[in-house]
Amino acid sequence: MFLKKENNIYFKEIKEIRKNLSGITYNPKSNTLFAITNAPRDIYELDINGNILRVIKLKGFRDTEDITYIKDDLFAIVDEELSGFYIIKITSNTSKIYKEDSLKSFIIDVRTTENFGLEGISYDQKNDIFYLANERNPKKIITIKGFMLDNPIVMDEKFDIIEDNDYLGDFSAIYFDNENENIYILSDESRLLGRVDNNKNFSKYLDLEENEIYSQMKHPEGITKDKDGNIYIVGEPNHFLSIKKR
């Protein structure tokens, strides 16, 4: 296992995962991370140091790109090939999840080119809003409001979030910070993490080329934060990066 540390930065390769690590979310209820791969389609529960606690098999899905925690035992996973997201339940005993057992699903096909579809998902718990990131052709951030509470669905394209994001060549993940309402957008192509504050101001938050440890993250694909504000980024094939809040 390849591992590097420097002050508050920690990088490793998760040797049990062979390829296609593509998304991650934090569960405050268990204080653990849930990472997802798109082929094979699995969910891995990790401790905050990136060690695998268990593997959950996904059945019937096609291209699972990201996962986000909602509340209690509920999560949403986004499937690029199926062009939508699925609400699933993960308890301490879950070892396998079938697509047909999803509690709810929402299909939205915004692709104009094959293989460039939905890559990221995150959830605003207070306002019941899902944030979806379409990778490119076109790059888009779409919000779905009212879905979990069975209110009338309001779907919107958030031009104000992305209008100053020319730095980002693609969108590989999105994270909505429920503490301060900032939005983080990760770009695999540009190897950058951008941040949009609650005044819709865009800034380059993290350059993954800026030091030796960051640069080990070759294909950043997923991002989340924990209850203490620590950042976790995962990427292909099996890379795990944590940045502890100073």
C-alpha atoms as a PDB file:
ATOM      1  CA  MET A   1       0.000   0.000   0.000  1.00  0.00           C
ATOM      2  CA  PHE A   2       1.465   3.319  -1.146  1.00  0.00           C
ATOM      3  CA  LEU A   3       1.098   5.955   1.576  1.00  0.00           C
ATOM      4  CA  LYS A   4       2.287   9.510   2.118  1.00  0.00           C
ATOM      5  CA  LYS A   5       1.794  11.947   5.002  1.00  0.00           C
ATOM      6  CA  GLU A   6       2.626  15.596   5.532  1.00  0.00           C
ATOM      7  CA  ASN A   7       1.270  17.618   8.445  1.00  0.00           C
ATOM      8  CA  ASN A   8      -2.484  17.672   7.851  1.00  0.00           C
ATOM      9  CA  ILE A   9      -2.386  15.863   4.462  1.00  0.00           C
ATOM     10  CA  TYR A  10      -2.696  12.104   4.082  1.00  0.00           C
ATOM     11  CA  PHE A  11      -2.659  10.080   0.833  1.00  0.00           C
ATOM     12  CA  LYS A  12      -2.949   6.356   0.241  1.00  0.00           C
ATOM     13  CA  GLU A  13      -3.873   3.746  -2.311  1.00  0.00           C
ATOM     14  CA  ILE A  14      -6.682   1.478  -1.107  1.00  0.00           C
ATOM     15  CA  LYS A  15      -5.217  -1.838  -2.166  1.00  0.00           C
ATOM     16  CA  GLU A  16      -8.491  -3.783  -1.852  1.00  0.00           C
ATOM     17  CA  ILE A  17     -10.029  -1.596  -4.566  1.00  0.00           C
ATOM     18  CA  ARG A  18      -8.580  -2.437  -7.961  1.00  0.00           C
ATOM     19  CA  LYS A  19     -10.081   0.308 -10.138  1.00  0.00           C
ATOM     20  CA  ASN A  20     -12.767   2.918 -10.795  1.00  0.00           C
ATOM     21  CA  LEU A  21     -13.132   4.572  -7.389  1.00  0.00           C
ATOM     22  CA  SER A  22     -15.458   7.415  -8.331  1.00  0.00           C
ATOM     23  CA  GLY A  23     -17.397   8.961  -5.424  1.00  0.00           C
ATOM     24  CA  ILE A  24     -17.504   9.426  -1.658  1.00  0.00           C
ATOM     25  CA  THR A  25     -19.783  10.723   1.101  1.00  0.00           C
ATOM     26  CA  TYR A  26     -19.640  11.090   4.875  1.00  0.00           C
ATOM     27  CA  ASN A  27     -22.211   9.613   7.262  1.00  0.00           C
ATOM     28  CA  PRO A  28     -22.277  11.602  10.549  1.00  0.00           C
ATOM     29  CA  LYS A  29     -24.434   8.932  12.167  1.00  0.00           C
ATOM     30  CA  SER A  30     -21.641   6.323  11.932  1.00  0.00           C
ATOM     31  CA  ASN A  31     -18.679   8.713  11.559  1.00  0.00           C
ATOM     32  CA  THR A  32     -17.617   6.701   8.507  1.00  0.00           C
ATOM     33  CA  LEU A  33     -17.200   7.278   4.792  1.00  0.00           C
ATOM     34  CA  PHE A  34     -19.046   5.523   1.974  1.00  0.00           C
ATOM     35  CA  ALA A  35     -17.186   5.291  -1.331  1.00  0.00           C
ATOM     36  CA  ILE A  36     -18.511   3.958  -4.636  1.00  0.00           C
ATOM     37  CA  THR A  37     -17.012   2.350  -7.750  1.00  0.00           C
ATOM     38  CA  ASN A  38     -18.607   2.226 -11.194  1.00  0.00           C
ATOM     39  CA  ALA A  39     -17.158  -1.074 -12.474  1.00  0.00           C
ATOM     40  CA  PRO A  40     -17.483  -3.279 -10.577  1.00  0.00           C
ATOM     41  CA  ARG A  41     -20.444  -1.543  -8.960  1.00  0.00           C
ATOM     42  CA  ASP A  42     -19.763  -1.635  -5.228  1.00  0.00           C
ATOM     43  CA  ILE A  43     -20.078   0.574  -2.166  1.00  0.00           C
ATOM     44  CA  TYR A  44     -17.242   0.502   0.382  1.00  0.00           C
ATOM     45  CA  GLU A  45     -17.707   1.673   3.946  1.00  0.00           C
ATOM     46  CA  LEU A  46     -14.414   3.207   5.109  1.00  0.00           C
ATOM     47  CA  ASP A  47     -13.112   4.612   8.336  1.00  0.00           C
ATOM     48  CA  ILE A  48     -11.829   8.179   8.182  1.00  0.00           C
ATOM     49  CA  ASN A  49      -8.323   6.899   7.380  1.00  0.00           C
ATOM     50  CA  GLY A  50      -9.531   5.113   4.267  1.00  0.00           C
ATOM     51  CA  ASN A  51      -9.515   1.575   5.678  1.00  0.00           C
ATOM     52  CA  ILE A  52     -12.265  -0.712   4.370  1.00  0.00           C
ATOM     53  CA  LEU A  53     -14.844  -1.822   6.952  1.00  0.00           C
ATOM     54  CA  ARG A  54     -17.190  -3.666   4.581  1.00  0.00           C
ATOM     55  CA  VAL A  55     -18.234  -4.025   0.927  1.00  0.00           C
ATOM     56  CA  ILE A  56     -21.829  -3.664  -0.302  1.00  0.00           C
ATOM     57  CA  LYS A  57     -22.612  -5.168  -3.708  1.00  0.00           C
ATOM     58  CA  LEU A  58     -24.844  -3.243  -6.124  1.00  0.00           C
ATOM     59  CA  LYS A  59     -27.043  -5.255  -8.482  1.00  0.00           C
ATOM     60  CA  GLY A  60     -28.883  -3.994 -11.562  1.00  0.00           C
ATOM     61  CA  PHE A  61     -27.097  -0.650 -11.778  1.00  0.00           C
ATOM     62  CA  ARG A  62     -24.972   0.265 -14.810  1.00  0.00           C
ATOM     63  CA  ASP A  63     -22.482   3.056 -14.094  1.00  0.00           C
ATOM     64  CA  THR A  64     -22.576   4.263 -10.475  1.00  0.00           C
ATOM     65  CA  GLU A  65     -20.543   7.462 -10.338  1.00  0.00           C
ATOM     66  CA  ASP A  66     -21.271   9.108  -6.987  1.00  0.00           C
ATOM     67  CA  ILE A  67     -23.030   8.727  -3.655  1.00  0.00           C
ATOM     68  CA  THR A  68     -24.369  11.226  -1.120  1.00  0.00           C
ATOM     69  CA  TYR A  69     -25.700  10.901   2.401  1.00  0.00           C
ATOM     70  CA  ILE A  70     -29.241  12.200   2.966  1.00  0.00           C
ATOM     71  CA  LYS A  71     -30.287  11.417   6.567  1.00  0.00           C
ATOM     72  CA  ASP A  72     -30.705   8.473   8.925  1.00  0.00           C
ATOM     73  CA  ASP A  73     -29.881   5.395   6.788  1.00  0.00           C
ATOM     74  CA  LEU A  74     -30.769   6.974   3.442  1.00  0.00           C
ATOM     75  CA  PHE A  75     -28.354   7.661   0.609  1.00  0.00           C
ATOM     76  CA  ALA A  76     -28.629   8.644  -3.050  1.00  0.00           C
ATOM     77  CA  ILE A  77     -26.462   7.170  -5.786  1.00  0.00           C
ATOM     78  CA  VAL A  78     -26.163   8.638  -9.264  1.00  0.00           C
ATOM     79  CA  ASP A  79     -25.909   6.342 -12.294  1.00  0.00           C
ATOM     80  CA  GLU A  80     -24.468   7.966 -15.415  1.00  0.00           C
ATOM     81  CA  GLU A  81     -25.656   5.350 -17.907  1.00  0.00           C
ATOM     82  CA  LEU A  82     -29.160   5.222 -16.422  1.00  0.00           C
ATOM     83  CA  SER A  83     -29.227   9.051 -16.344  1.00  0.00           C
ATOM     84  CA  GLY A  84     -30.633   9.504 -12.884  1.00  0.00           C
ATOM     85  CA  PHE A  85     -30.303   8.984  -9.157  1.00  0.00           C
ATOM     86  CA  TYR A  86     -31.692   6.345  -6.814  1.00  0.00           C
ATOM     87  CA  ILE A  87     -32.572   6.537  -3.118  1.00  0.00           C
ATOM     88  CA  ILE A  88     -31.271   3.528  -1.206  1.00  0.00           C
ATOM     89  CA  LYS A  89     -31.181   2.429   2.413  1.00  0.00           C
ATOM     90  CA  ILE A  90     -27.954   1.233   4.030  1.00  0.00           C
ATOM     91  CA  THR A  91     -28.118  -0.222   7.528  1.00  0.00           C
ATOM     92  CA  SER A  92     -25.397  -1.900   9.574  1.00  0.00           C
ATOM     93  CA  ASN A  93     -26.509  -5.245   8.114  1.00  0.00           C
ATOM     94  CA  THR A  94     -26.665  -4.280   4.434  1.00  0.00           C
ATOM     95  CA  SER A  95     -24.424  -6.368   2.188  1.00  0.00           C
ATOM     96  CA  LYS A  96     -26.251  -6.178  -1.169  1.00  0.00           C
ATOM     97  CA  ILE A  97     -28.583  -3.663  -2.831  1.00  0.00           C
ATOM     98  CA  TYR A  98     -30.758  -4.348  -5.876  1.00  0.00           C
ATOM     99  CA  LYS A  99     -31.794  -1.464  -8.127  1.00  0.00           C
ATOM    100  CA  GLU A 100     -35.416  -2.610  -8.067  1.00  0.00           C
ATOM    101  CA  ASP A 101     -35.389  -2.255  -4.273  1.00  0.00           C
ATOM    102  CA  SER A 102     -34.565   1.467  -4.470  1.00  0.00           C
ATOM    103  CA  LEU A 103     -37.011   3.514  -2.431  1.00  0.00           C
ATOM    104  CA  LYS A 104     -37.337   6.214  -5.096  1.00  0.00           C
ATOM    105  CA  SER A 105     -35.642   7.257  -8.330  1.00  0.00           C
ATOM    106  CA  PHE A 106     -35.423  10.353 -10.493  1.00  0.00           C
ATOM    107  CA  ILE A 107     -34.416  10.172 -14.157  1.00  0.00           C
ATOM    108  CA  ILE A 108     -32.981  13.206 -15.934  1.00  0.00           C
ATOM    109  CA  ASP A 109     -30.987  12.788 -19.150  1.00  0.00           C
ATOM    110  CA  VAL A 110     -28.940  15.908 -19.884  1.00  0.00           C
ATOM    111  CA  ARG A 111     -26.329  14.207 -22.060  1.00  0.00           C
ATOM    112  CA  THR A 112     -25.594  15.301 -25.582  1.00  0.00           C
ATOM    113  CA  THR A 113     -22.612  12.944 -25.885  1.00  0.00           C
ATOM    114  CA  GLU A 114     -22.310   9.343 -24.721  1.00  0.00           C
ATOM    115  CA  ASN A 115     -20.126   8.842 -21.620  1.00  0.00           C
ATOM    116  CA  PHE A 116     -20.388  12.510 -20.623  1.00  0.00           C
ATOM    117  CA  GLY A 117     -23.360  12.492 -18.261  1.00  0.00           C
ATOM    118  CA  LEU A 118     -24.158  12.815 -14.571  1.00  0.00           C
ATOM    119  CA  GLU A 119     -20.994  12.494 -12.483  1.00  0.00           C
ATOM    120  CA  GLY A 120     -21.771  14.043  -9.120  1.00  0.00           C
ATOM    121  CA  ILE A 121     -24.537  14.375  -6.556  1.00  0.00           C
ATOM    122  CA  SER A 122     -24.927  16.155  -3.210  1.00  0.00           C
ATOM    123  CA  TYR A 123     -27.833  17.070  -0.936  1.00  0.00           C
ATOM    124  CA  ASP A 124     -28.960  20.237   0.839  1.00  0.00           C
ATOM    125  CA  GLN A 125     -30.660  18.765   3.914  1.00  0.00           C
ATOM    126  CA  LYS A 126     -32.321  21.966   5.130  1.00  0.00           C
ATOM    127  CA  ASN A 127     -33.998  22.855   1.838  1.00  0.00           C
ATOM    128  CA  ASP A 128     -34.465  19.352   0.356  1.00  0.00           C
ATOM    129  CA  ILE A 129     -32.411  20.118  -2.749  1.00  0.00           C
ATOM    130  CA  PHE A 130     -30.283  17.688  -4.711  1.00  0.00           C
ATOM    131  CA  TYR A 131     -27.334  19.117  -6.630  1.00  0.00           C
ATOM    132  CA  LEU A 132     -26.343  17.196  -9.767  1.00  0.00           C
ATOM    133  CA  ALA A 133     -23.194  17.755 -11.813  1.00  0.00           C
ATOM    134  CA  ASN A 134     -23.142  16.914 -15.516  1.00  0.00           C
ATOM    135  CA  GLU A 135     -19.565  16.216 -16.567  1.00  0.00           C
ATOM    136  CA  ARG A 136     -19.333  18.117 -19.855  1.00  0.00           C
ATOM    137  CA  ASN A 137     -20.892  18.624 -23.290  1.00  0.00           C
ATOM    138  CA  PRO A 138     -22.451  20.554 -21.636  1.00  0.00           C
ATOM    139  CA  LYS A 139     -21.080  21.245 -18.165  1.00  0.00           C
ATOM    140  CA  LYS A 140     -24.114  21.816 -15.968  1.00  0.00           C
ATOM    141  CA  ILE A 141     -25.207  22.072 -12.350  1.00  0.00           C
ATOM    142  CA  ILE A 142     -28.859  21.100 -11.933  1.00  0.00           C
ATOM    143  CA  THR A 143     -30.954  21.257  -8.763  1.00  0.00           C
ATOM    144  CA  ILE A 144     -33.955  19.092  -7.884  1.00  0.00           C
ATOM    145  CA  LYS A 145     -36.058  20.541  -5.040  1.00  0.00           C
ATOM    146  CA  GLY A 146     -38.911  18.809  -3.191  1.00  0.00           C
ATOM    147  CA  PHE A 147     -38.116  15.207  -4.080  1.00  0.00           C
ATOM    148  CA  MET A 148     -37.553  13.669  -0.653  1.00  0.00           C
ATOM    149  CA  LEU A 149     -40.490  15.431   1.021  1.00  0.00           C
ATOM    150  CA  ASP A 150     -42.855  14.586  -1.864  1.00  0.00           C
ATOM    151  CA  ASN A 151     -43.487  18.254  -2.561  1.00  0.00           C
ATOM    152  CA  PRO A 152     -44.012  19.579  -6.103  1.00  0.00           C
ATOM    153  CA  ILE A 153     -40.715  19.054  -7.935  1.00  0.00           C
ATOM    154  CA  VAL A 154     -38.823  22.186  -8.940  1.00  0.00           C
ATOM    155  CA  MET A 155     -35.928  21.560 -11.330  1.00  0.00           C
ATOM    156  CA  ASP A 156     -33.507  24.367 -12.106  1.00  0.00           C
ATOM    157  CA  GLU A 157     -30.226  24.904 -13.913  1.00  0.00           C
ATOM    158  CA  LYS A 158     -27.856  26.940 -11.747  1.00  0.00           C
ATOM    159  CA  PHE A 159     -26.126  29.241 -14.223  1.00  0.00           C
ATOM    160  CA  ASP A 160     -25.067  31.575 -11.394  1.00  0.00           C
ATOM    161  CA  ILE A 161     -22.983  28.824  -9.802  1.00  0.00           C
ATOM    162  CA  ILE A 162     -20.905  28.045 -12.880  1.00  0.00           C
ATOM    163  CA  GLU A 163     -20.631  31.325 -14.778  1.00  0.00           C
ATOM    164  CA  ASP A 164     -17.131  32.109 -13.447  1.00  0.00           C
ATOM    165  CA  ASN A 165     -15.767  28.564 -13.548  1.00  0.00           C
ATOM    166  CA  ASP A 166     -13.700  28.680 -16.733  1.00  0.00           C
ATOM    167  CA  TYR A 167     -10.868  27.160 -14.682  1.00  0.00           C
ATOM    168  CA  LEU A 168     -12.719  23.828 -14.555  1.00  0.00           C
ATOM    169  CA  GLY A 169     -12.489  21.790 -17.757  1.00  0.00           C
ATOM    170  CA  ASP A 170     -15.081  19.291 -16.539  1.00  0.00           C
ATOM    171  CA  PHE A 171     -17.195  18.528 -13.472  1.00  0.00           C
ATOM    172  CA  SER A 172     -16.302  15.220 -11.839  1.00  0.00           C
ATOM    173  CA  ALA A 173     -18.022  15.795  -8.466  1.00  0.00           C
ATOM    174  CA  ILE A 174     -20.039  18.292  -6.441  1.00  0.00           C
ATOM    175  CA  TYR A 175     -20.396  18.775  -2.690  1.00  0.00           C
ATOM    176  CA  PHE A 176     -22.903  21.023  -0.902  1.00  0.00           C
ATOM    177  CA  ASP A 177     -21.638  22.049   2.538  1.00  0.00           C
ATOM    178  CA  ASN A 178     -24.652  22.052   4.851  1.00  0.00           C
ATOM    179  CA  GLU A 179     -22.745  24.023   7.495  1.00  0.00           C
ATOM    180  CA  ASN A 180     -21.957  27.153   5.500  1.00  0.00           C
ATOM    181  CA  GLU A 181     -23.850  26.570   2.226  1.00  0.00           C
ATOM    182  CA  ASN A 182     -20.673  26.692   0.156  1.00  0.00           C
ATOM    183  CA  ILE A 183     -20.580  24.487  -2.934  1.00  0.00           C
ATOM    184  CA  TYR A 184     -17.439  22.621  -3.981  1.00  0.00           C
ATOM    185  CA  ILE A 185     -16.930  21.468  -7.578  1.00  0.00           C
ATOM    186  CA  LEU A 186     -14.144  19.029  -8.433  1.00  0.00           C
ATOM    187  CA  SER A 187     -12.534  18.807 -11.870  1.00  0.00           C
ATOM    188  CA  ASP A 188     -10.626  15.724 -12.978  1.00  0.00           C
ATOM    189  CA  GLU A 189      -9.456  17.344 -16.206  1.00  0.00           C
ATOM    190  CA  SER A 190      -8.166  20.536 -14.559  1.00  0.00           C
ATOM    191  CA  ARG A 191      -7.105  18.824 -11.302  1.00  0.00           C
ATOM    192  CA  LEU A 192      -8.722  21.625  -9.325  1.00  0.00           C
ATOM    193  CA  LEU A 193     -11.266  21.983  -6.555  1.00  0.00           C
ATOM    194  CA  GLY A 194     -13.374  25.105  -6.957  1.00  0.00           C
ATOM    195  CA  ARG A 195     -15.564  26.694  -4.306  1.00  0.00           C
ATOM    196  CA  VAL A 196     -18.689  28.803  -4.740  1.00  0.00           C
ATOM    197  CA  ASP A 197     -19.593  30.733  -1.582  1.00  0.00           C
ATOM    198  CA  ASN A 198     -23.138  31.646  -0.541  1.00  0.00           C
ATOM    199  CA  ASN A 199     -22.794  34.930  -2.442  1.00  0.00           C
ATOM    200  CA  LYS A 200     -22.147  32.901  -5.615  1.00  0.00           C
ATOM    201  CA  ASN A 201     -18.497  33.999  -5.799  1.00  0.00           C
ATOM    202  CA  PHE A 202     -16.252  31.379  -7.432  1.00  0.00           C
ATOM    203  CA  SER A 203     -12.665  30.746  -6.329  1.00  0.00           C
ATOM    204  CA  LYS A 204      -9.975  28.160  -6.923  1.00  0.00           C
ATOM    205  CA  TYR A 205      -9.953  26.445  -3.538  1.00  0.00           C
ATOM    206  CA  LEU A 206      -7.382  23.674  -4.048  1.00  0.00           C
ATOM    207  CA  ASP A 207      -4.868  23.017  -6.822  1.00  0.00           C
ATOM    208  CA  LEU A 208      -3.987  19.322  -6.864  1.00  0.00           C
ATOM    209  CA  GLU A 209      -0.666  20.114  -8.525  1.00  0.00           C
ATOM    210  CA  GLU A 210       0.522  22.433  -5.779  1.00  0.00           C
ATOM    211  CA  ASN A 211       2.528  19.931  -3.742  1.00  0.00           C
ATOM    212  CA  GLU A 212       3.972  16.426  -3.942  1.00  0.00           C
ATOM    213  CA  ILE A 213       1.200  14.722  -1.975  1.00  0.00           C
ATOM    214  CA  TYR A 214      -1.724  16.379  -3.741  1.00  0.00           C
ATOM    215  CA  SER A 215      -0.182  15.501  -7.097  1.00  0.00           C
ATOM    216  CA  GLN A 216      -0.450  11.780  -6.325  1.00  0.00           C
ATOM    217  CA  MET A 217      -4.207  12.123  -6.901  1.00  0.00           C
ATOM    218  CA  LYS A 218      -4.127  11.461 -10.638  1.00  0.00           C
ATOM    219  CA  HIS A 219      -7.851  11.361 -11.483  1.00  0.00           C
ATOM    220  CA  PRO A 220      -9.932  13.100  -8.775  1.00  0.00           C
ATOM    221  CA  GLU A 221     -13.517  11.854  -8.956  1.00  0.00           C
ATOM    222  CA  GLY A 222     -15.264  12.430  -5.615  1.00  0.00           C
ATOM    223  CA  ILE A 223     -15.299  14.821  -2.658  1.00  0.00           C
ATOM    224  CA  THR A 224     -16.927  15.109   0.760  1.00  0.00           C
ATOM    225  CA  LYS A 225     -16.353  16.731   4.151  1.00  0.00           C
ATOM    226  CA  ASP A 226     -16.901  15.402   7.662  1.00  0.00           C
ATOM    227  CA  LYS A 227     -18.474  17.021  10.738  1.00  0.00           C
ATOM    228  CA  ASP A 228     -15.131  18.639  11.659  1.00  0.00           C
ATOM    229  CA  GLY A 229     -14.615  20.213   8.236  1.00  0.00           C
ATOM    230  CA  ASN A 230     -11.962  17.747   7.071  1.00  0.00           C
ATOM    231  CA  ILE A 231     -11.956  17.159   3.310  1.00  0.00           C
ATOM    232  CA  TYR A 232     -11.789  13.756   1.617  1.00  0.00           C
ATOM    233  CA  ILE A 233     -11.107  13.278  -2.098  1.00  0.00           C
ATOM    234  CA  VAL A 234     -11.054   9.966  -3.943  1.00  0.00           C
ATOM    235  CA  GLY A 235     -10.009   9.142  -7.468  1.00  0.00           C
ATOM    236  CA  GLU A 236      -9.249   6.459  -9.995  1.00  0.00           C
ATOM    237  CA  PRO A 237      -8.047   3.843  -9.725  1.00  0.00           C
ATOM    238  CA  ASN A 238      -8.021   3.586  -5.889  1.00  0.00           C
ATOM    239  CA  HIS A 239      -6.640   6.843  -4.504  1.00  0.00           C
ATOM    240  CA  PHE A 240      -7.690   8.362  -1.169  1.00  0.00           C
ATOM    241  CA  LEU A 241      -6.677  11.846  -0.003  1.00  0.00           C
ATOM    242  CA  SER A 242      -7.642  13.475   3.296  1.00  0.00           C
ATOM    243  CA  ILE A 243      -6.943  17.068   4.256  1.00  0.00           C
ATOM    244  CA  LYS A 244      -7.434  17.791   7.932  1.00  0.00           C
ATOM    245  CA  LYS A 245      -8.774  21.189   8.894  1.00  0.00           C
ATOM    246  CA  ARG A 246      -6.074  23.186  10.633  1.00  0.00           C
END
